[in-house]
Structures are given as C-alpha cells and as structure tokens.
Amino acid sequence: MLKGVKNLTDKIIFPGEIPRLTGFESQKTSFVFEDGSPDFVMDDSALVLIKPEGLFVVTGCGHSGIVNTFEYARKITGINKLFGVMGGLHLKENDVQTRVTSWSRFSR
C-alpha cells in the first residue's frame, strides 16, 4: 500500500490509508489474519475525483467507513461538497444505530 496522498492528476487523488477517526465506523470485522487476529483491512483506500459539482468518491470495499472516507477526502482537497459516491460501503455488518449514524453524518 502506498503511504500518503498521491495526486494522480490535478483532478484525481489517491488518498492512501484512510484514517479511522469517527469512533462509530470500522469497529467490527469478520476478517482475520492467518494467526487469528482481527484484520480491519487498514490498507483499504479509495479514489477522489474533483468535479465542478464537488467530490466524487470511488471506494474500494469501504472498510474504512464512508464517513471516514468522505471526511478525509474533504480534508485532503479542501472541498466540502460531495457530488457522488460509488463502490462498496460495508454497512451490512454494522448494527442499525451505526448505519443510521453513518447515513445521517454522510448526508449532511
């Protein structure tokens, strides 16, 4: 995994490892390493496209959490408006409260 933000073009950014700061996303995992320890897929990432309408975020599997991903995209670009999201969100493994919190934060 590449560490750090990489500008692929002036409008396409690879954010590298996405910090998990929300406290309510990415708290559970069904993945394990060979030694049996939990794998939180820390090398999950995304692509951030800068569009005139705002940010378009393409997630991989979304293990970092959609709010973590969008908040980090906002931080590294300085753009607050979200235009769209495509990709995996990994919300089904979360409890209902986490899903509601994710969607309410995401839709602001």
N, C-alpha and C. Protein backbone atom coordinates (compact mmCIF):
# COMPACT_ATOMS: atom_id res chain seq x y z
N MET A 1 0.84 -1.18 0.00
CA MET A 1 0.00 0.00 0.00
C MET A 1 0.88 1.23 0.00
N LEU A 2 0.55 2.16 -0.86
CA LEU A 2 1.24 3.44 -0.86
C LEU A 2 0.84 4.23 0.37
N LYS A 3 1.80 4.79 1.03
CA LYS A 3 1.53 5.62 2.20
C LYS A 3 1.42 7.06 1.74
N GLY A 4 0.46 7.76 2.27
CA GLY A 4 0.32 9.17 1.96
C GLY A 4 -0.52 9.42 0.72
N VAL A 5 -0.87 10.67 0.57
CA VAL A 5 -1.72 11.11 -0.54
C VAL A 5 -0.89 11.20 -1.81
N LYS A 6 -1.46 10.71 -2.92
CA LYS A 6 -0.79 10.80 -4.23
C LYS A 6 -1.74 11.46 -5.21
N ASN A 7 -1.32 12.56 -5.79
CA ASN A 7 -2.10 13.21 -6.85
C ASN A 7 -1.79 12.49 -8.15
N LEU A 8 -2.75 11.73 -8.66
CA LEU A 8 -2.56 11.01 -9.91
C LEU A 8 -2.66 11.97 -11.09
N THR A 9 -3.58 12.92 -10.99
CA THR A 9 -3.69 14.05 -11.92
C THR A 9 -4.12 15.24 -11.06
N ASP A 10 -4.37 16.38 -11.69
CA ASP A 10 -4.84 17.52 -10.90
C ASP A 10 -6.28 17.35 -10.43
N LYS A 11 -6.98 16.34 -10.95
CA LYS A 11 -8.38 16.11 -10.58
C LYS A 11 -8.65 14.72 -10.00
N ILE A 12 -7.63 13.89 -9.90
CA ILE A 12 -7.79 12.53 -9.36
C ILE A 12 -6.74 12.31 -8.28
N ILE A 13 -7.21 11.97 -7.08
CA ILE A 13 -6.32 11.81 -5.93
C ILE A 13 -6.49 10.41 -5.33
N PHE A 14 -5.37 9.78 -5.05
CA PHE A 14 -5.35 8.53 -4.29
C PHE A 14 -4.99 8.89 -2.86
N PRO A 15 -5.91 8.72 -1.90
CA PRO A 15 -5.64 9.18 -0.54
C PRO A 15 -4.74 8.28 0.29
N GLY A 16 -4.40 7.09 -0.21
CA GLY A 16 -3.62 6.17 0.61
C GLY A 16 -4.46 5.64 1.75
N GLU A 17 -3.81 5.31 2.85
CA GLU A 17 -4.53 4.77 4.00
C GLU A 17 -5.45 5.85 4.59
N ILE A 18 -6.69 5.49 4.81
CA ILE A 18 -7.70 6.43 5.29
C ILE A 18 -7.79 6.34 6.81
N PRO A 19 -7.54 7.46 7.50
CA PRO A 19 -7.64 7.44 8.97
C PRO A 19 -9.05 7.10 9.43
N ARG A 20 -9.14 6.36 10.49
CA ARG A 20 -10.45 5.96 11.03
C ARG A 20 -10.69 6.73 12.32
N LEU A 21 -11.38 7.82 12.17
CA LEU A 21 -11.50 8.78 13.26
C LEU A 21 -12.89 8.92 13.85
N THR A 22 -13.91 8.37 13.21
CA THR A 22 -15.28 8.64 13.65
C THR A 22 -15.62 7.99 14.99
N GLY A 23 -15.03 6.86 15.29
CA GLY A 23 -15.37 6.18 16.54
C GLY A 23 -16.58 5.28 16.44
N PHE A 24 -17.35 5.39 15.36
CA PHE A 24 -18.51 4.51 15.21
C PHE A 24 -18.42 3.65 13.96
N GLU A 25 -17.50 3.94 13.08
CA GLU A 25 -17.32 3.12 11.88
C GLU A 25 -16.11 2.21 12.06
N SER A 26 -16.11 1.11 11.34
CA SER A 26 -14.97 0.20 11.28
C SER A 26 -14.56 -0.33 12.66
N GLN A 27 -15.53 -0.58 13.50
CA GLN A 27 -15.24 -1.10 14.84
C GLN A 27 -15.31 -2.62 14.90
N LYS A 28 -15.91 -3.24 13.87
CA LYS A 28 -16.04 -4.69 13.83
C LYS A 28 -15.49 -5.19 12.50
N THR A 29 -15.04 -6.43 12.50
CA THR A 29 -14.59 -7.05 11.27
C THR A 29 -14.83 -8.55 11.34
N SER A 30 -15.11 -9.12 10.20
CA SER A 30 -15.24 -10.58 10.13
C SER A 30 -14.00 -11.19 9.49
N PHE A 31 -13.02 -10.36 9.17
CA PHE A 31 -11.79 -10.82 8.55
C PHE A 31 -10.73 -11.09 9.61
N VAL A 32 -9.91 -12.11 9.36
CA VAL A 32 -8.84 -12.45 10.30
C VAL A 32 -7.55 -12.73 9.53
N PHE A 33 -6.43 -12.45 10.19
CA PHE A 33 -5.13 -12.83 9.65
C PHE A 33 -4.91 -14.32 9.90
N GLU A 34 -3.86 -14.87 9.30
CA GLU A 34 -3.57 -16.29 9.47
C GLU A 34 -3.40 -16.68 10.93
N ASP A 35 -2.90 -15.74 11.75
CA ASP A 35 -2.70 -16.05 13.17
C ASP A 35 -3.98 -15.93 14.00
N GLY A 36 -5.10 -15.59 13.35
CA GLY A 36 -6.38 -15.49 14.03
C GLY A 36 -6.71 -14.11 14.57
N SER A 37 -5.77 -13.18 14.49
CA SER A 37 -6.05 -11.82 14.97
C SER A 37 -6.93 -11.09 13.96
N PRO A 38 -7.72 -10.12 14.43
CA PRO A 38 -8.65 -9.42 13.53
C PRO A 38 -7.93 -8.58 12.48
N ASP A 39 -8.44 -8.62 11.27
CA ASP A 39 -7.91 -7.81 10.16
C ASP A 39 -8.93 -6.72 9.85
N PHE A 40 -8.61 -5.49 10.21
CA PHE A 40 -9.50 -4.36 9.96
C PHE A 40 -9.27 -3.73 8.59
N VAL A 41 -8.49 -4.42 7.75
CA VAL A 41 -8.23 -4.00 6.36
C VAL A 41 -7.77 -2.54 6.34
N MET A 42 -6.69 -2.27 7.05
CA MET A 42 -6.18 -0.91 7.16
C MET A 42 -5.67 -0.37 5.82
N ASP A 43 -5.40 -1.27 4.86
CA ASP A 43 -4.92 -0.80 3.56
C ASP A 43 -6.06 -0.50 2.58
N ASP A 44 -7.29 -0.47 3.07
CA ASP A 44 -8.43 -0.06 2.25
C ASP A 44 -8.24 1.40 1.84
N SER A 45 -8.59 1.73 0.61
CA SER A 45 -8.46 3.12 0.17
C SER A 45 -9.58 3.46 -0.79
N ALA A 46 -9.38 4.49 -1.58
CA ALA A 46 -10.42 4.99 -2.49
C ALA A 46 -9.75 5.83 -3.56
N LEU A 47 -10.55 6.37 -4.44
CA LEU A 47 -10.11 7.42 -5.37
C LEU A 47 -11.01 8.61 -5.15
N VAL A 48 -10.45 9.79 -5.21
CA VAL A 48 -11.21 11.02 -5.05
C VAL A 48 -11.10 11.81 -6.35
N LEU A 49 -12.24 12.03 -6.99
CA LEU A 49 -12.28 12.80 -8.23
C LEU A 49 -12.83 14.18 -7.93
N ILE A 50 -12.14 15.19 -8.39
CA ILE A 50 -12.59 16.57 -8.19
C ILE A 50 -13.37 16.99 -9.42
N LYS A 51 -14.67 17.21 -9.20
CA LYS A 51 -15.58 17.61 -10.27
C LYS A 51 -16.04 19.04 -10.01
N PRO A 52 -16.52 19.75 -11.03
CA PRO A 52 -17.05 21.10 -10.79
C PRO A 52 -18.20 21.10 -9.77
N GLU A 53 -18.94 19.98 -9.72
CA GLU A 53 -20.09 19.87 -8.81
C GLU A 53 -19.69 19.51 -7.38
N GLY A 54 -18.46 19.08 -7.17
CA GLY A 54 -17.99 18.64 -5.86
C GLY A 54 -17.16 17.38 -5.97
N LEU A 55 -16.95 16.71 -4.86
CA LEU A 55 -16.14 15.50 -4.84
C LEU A 55 -16.95 14.28 -5.24
N PHE A 56 -16.35 13.44 -6.07
CA PHE A 56 -16.92 12.15 -6.40
C PHE A 56 -15.94 11.12 -5.86
N VAL A 57 -16.39 10.31 -4.90
CA VAL A 57 -15.52 9.36 -4.23
C VAL A 57 -15.83 7.95 -4.71
N VAL A 58 -14.80 7.25 -5.16
CA VAL A 58 -14.93 5.85 -5.58
C VAL A 58 -14.25 5.01 -4.51
N THR A 59 -15.05 4.27 -3.75
CA THR A 59 -14.48 3.44 -2.69
C THR A 59 -14.06 2.10 -3.26
N GLY A 60 -13.16 1.44 -2.55
CA GLY A 60 -12.83 0.06 -2.88
C GLY A 60 -13.91 -0.80 -2.27
N CYS A 61 -13.62 -1.36 -1.13
CA CYS A 61 -14.63 -2.13 -0.40
C CYS A 61 -15.29 -1.31 0.70
N GLY A 62 -14.74 -0.20 1.05
CA GLY A 62 -15.35 0.66 2.05
C GLY A 62 -15.10 0.26 3.49
N HIS A 63 -14.06 -0.54 3.72
CA HIS A 63 -13.77 -0.99 5.09
C HIS A 63 -13.44 0.17 6.02
N SER A 64 -12.96 1.27 5.49
CA SER A 64 -12.61 2.43 6.33
C SER A 64 -13.83 3.15 6.86
N GLY A 65 -14.98 2.90 6.23
CA GLY A 65 -16.21 3.60 6.60
C GLY A 65 -16.44 4.78 5.67
N ILE A 66 -17.67 4.97 5.25
CA ILE A 66 -17.97 6.01 4.28
C ILE A 66 -17.78 7.41 4.87
N VAL A 67 -18.09 7.60 6.13
CA VAL A 67 -17.90 8.92 6.74
C VAL A 67 -16.41 9.20 6.90
N ASN A 68 -15.63 8.22 7.37
CA ASN A 68 -14.18 8.41 7.45
C ASN A 68 -13.60 8.74 6.08
N THR A 69 -14.05 8.03 5.06
CA THR A 69 -13.53 8.25 3.71
C THR A 69 -13.87 9.64 3.21
N PHE A 70 -15.12 10.04 3.36
CA PHE A 70 -15.52 11.36 2.88
C PHE A 70 -14.86 12.48 3.68
N GLU A 71 -14.79 12.33 5.00
CA GLU A 71 -14.14 13.37 5.82
C GLU A 71 -12.67 13.53 5.44
N TYR A 72 -12.00 12.42 5.16
CA TYR A 72 -10.59 12.50 4.76
C TYR A 72 -10.46 13.13 3.37
N ALA A 73 -11.37 12.79 2.46
CA ALA A 73 -11.36 13.41 1.12
C ALA A 73 -11.55 14.92 1.25
N ARG A 74 -12.45 15.34 2.11
CA ARG A 74 -12.66 16.78 2.36
C ARG A 74 -11.39 17.42 2.89
N LYS A 75 -10.73 16.74 3.81
CA LYS A 75 -9.52 17.28 4.43
C LYS A 75 -8.40 17.46 3.41
N ILE A 76 -8.16 16.44 2.58
CA ILE A 76 -7.01 16.50 1.67
C ILE A 76 -7.26 17.38 0.45
N THR A 77 -8.53 17.67 0.16
CA THR A 77 -8.82 18.52 -1.00
C THR A 77 -9.22 19.94 -0.62
N GLY A 78 -9.73 20.11 0.58
CA GLY A 78 -10.26 21.41 0.98
C GLY A 78 -11.64 21.70 0.40
N ILE A 79 -12.25 20.68 -0.22
CA ILE A 79 -13.58 20.82 -0.83
C ILE A 79 -14.59 20.11 0.07
N ASN A 80 -15.63 20.81 0.45
CA ASN A 80 -16.62 20.23 1.37
C ASN A 80 -17.79 19.55 0.69
N LYS A 81 -18.10 19.94 -0.53
CA LYS A 81 -19.30 19.43 -1.20
C LYS A 81 -19.07 18.05 -1.80
N LEU A 82 -20.00 17.15 -1.52
CA LEU A 82 -19.96 15.80 -2.09
C LEU A 82 -20.92 15.74 -3.27
N PHE A 83 -20.40 15.31 -4.41
CA PHE A 83 -21.22 15.17 -5.61
C PHE A 83 -21.74 13.75 -5.76
N GLY A 84 -20.93 12.76 -5.40
CA GLY A 84 -21.38 11.38 -5.54
C GLY A 84 -20.42 10.40 -4.92
N VAL A 85 -20.91 9.18 -4.75
CA VAL A 85 -20.13 8.08 -4.20
C VAL A 85 -20.49 6.82 -4.97
N MET A 86 -19.47 6.02 -5.27
CA MET A 86 -19.70 4.74 -5.94
C MET A 86 -18.75 3.73 -5.32
N GLY A 87 -19.25 2.53 -5.08
CA GLY A 87 -18.39 1.47 -4.58
C GLY A 87 -18.97 0.80 -3.36
N GLY A 88 -18.15 0.03 -2.69
CA GLY A 88 -18.58 -0.70 -1.51
C GLY A 88 -18.67 0.20 -0.30
N LEU A 89 -19.64 -0.08 0.56
CA LEU A 89 -19.82 0.73 1.77
C LEU A 89 -19.72 -0.09 3.05
N HIS A 90 -19.82 -1.40 2.97
CA HIS A 90 -19.71 -2.30 4.12
C HIS A 90 -20.55 -1.86 5.30
N LEU A 91 -21.79 -1.55 5.04
CA LEU A 91 -22.69 -1.16 6.13
C LEU A 91 -23.47 -2.34 6.70
N LYS A 92 -23.60 -3.42 5.95
CA LYS A 92 -24.46 -4.52 6.40
C LYS A 92 -23.97 -5.20 7.66
N GLU A 93 -22.66 -5.18 7.92
CA GLU A 93 -22.13 -5.82 9.12
C GLU A 93 -22.31 -4.96 10.36
N ASN A 94 -22.67 -3.69 10.17
CA ASN A 94 -22.85 -2.78 11.30
C ASN A 94 -24.24 -2.93 11.90
N ASP A 95 -24.36 -2.57 13.17
CA ASP A 95 -25.68 -2.58 13.79
C ASP A 95 -26.50 -1.41 13.25
N VAL A 96 -27.78 -1.41 13.53
CA VAL A 96 -28.69 -0.40 12.98
C VAL A 96 -28.26 1.00 13.39
N GLN A 97 -27.88 1.20 14.64
CA GLN A 97 -27.50 2.54 15.11
C GLN A 97 -26.29 3.07 14.34
N THR A 98 -25.31 2.21 14.09
CA THR A 98 -24.13 2.63 13.34
C THR A 98 -24.51 3.01 11.92
N ARG A 99 -25.40 2.23 11.29
CA ARG A 99 -25.85 2.56 9.94
C ARG A 99 -26.58 3.90 9.91
N VAL A 100 -27.46 4.12 10.88
CA VAL A 100 -28.20 5.38 10.94
C VAL A 100 -27.24 6.54 11.15
N THR A 101 -26.28 6.38 12.06
CA THR A 101 -25.30 7.44 12.32
C THR A 101 -24.47 7.71 11.08
N SER A 102 -24.01 6.66 10.40
CA SER A 102 -23.23 6.84 9.17
C SER A 102 -24.01 7.62 8.14
N TRP A 103 -25.23 7.20 7.88
CA TRP A 103 -26.02 7.86 6.84
C TRP A 103 -26.40 9.28 7.21
N SER A 104 -26.67 9.54 8.49
CA SER A 104 -27.03 10.91 8.87
C SER A 104 -25.82 11.83 8.76
N ARG A 105 -24.63 11.35 9.13
CA ARG A 105 -23.41 12.16 9.00
C ARG A 105 -23.04 12.34 7.54
N PHE A 106 -23.19 11.27 6.77
CA PHE A 106 -22.83 11.28 5.36
C PHE A 106 -23.71 12.23 4.56
N SER A 107 -24.97 12.32 4.90
CA SER A 107 -25.93 13.08 4.09
C SER A 107 -26.00 14.56 4.45
N ARG A 108 -25.17 15.02 5.37
CA ARG A 108 -25.18 16.45 5.72
C ARG A 108 -24.75 17.32 4.59
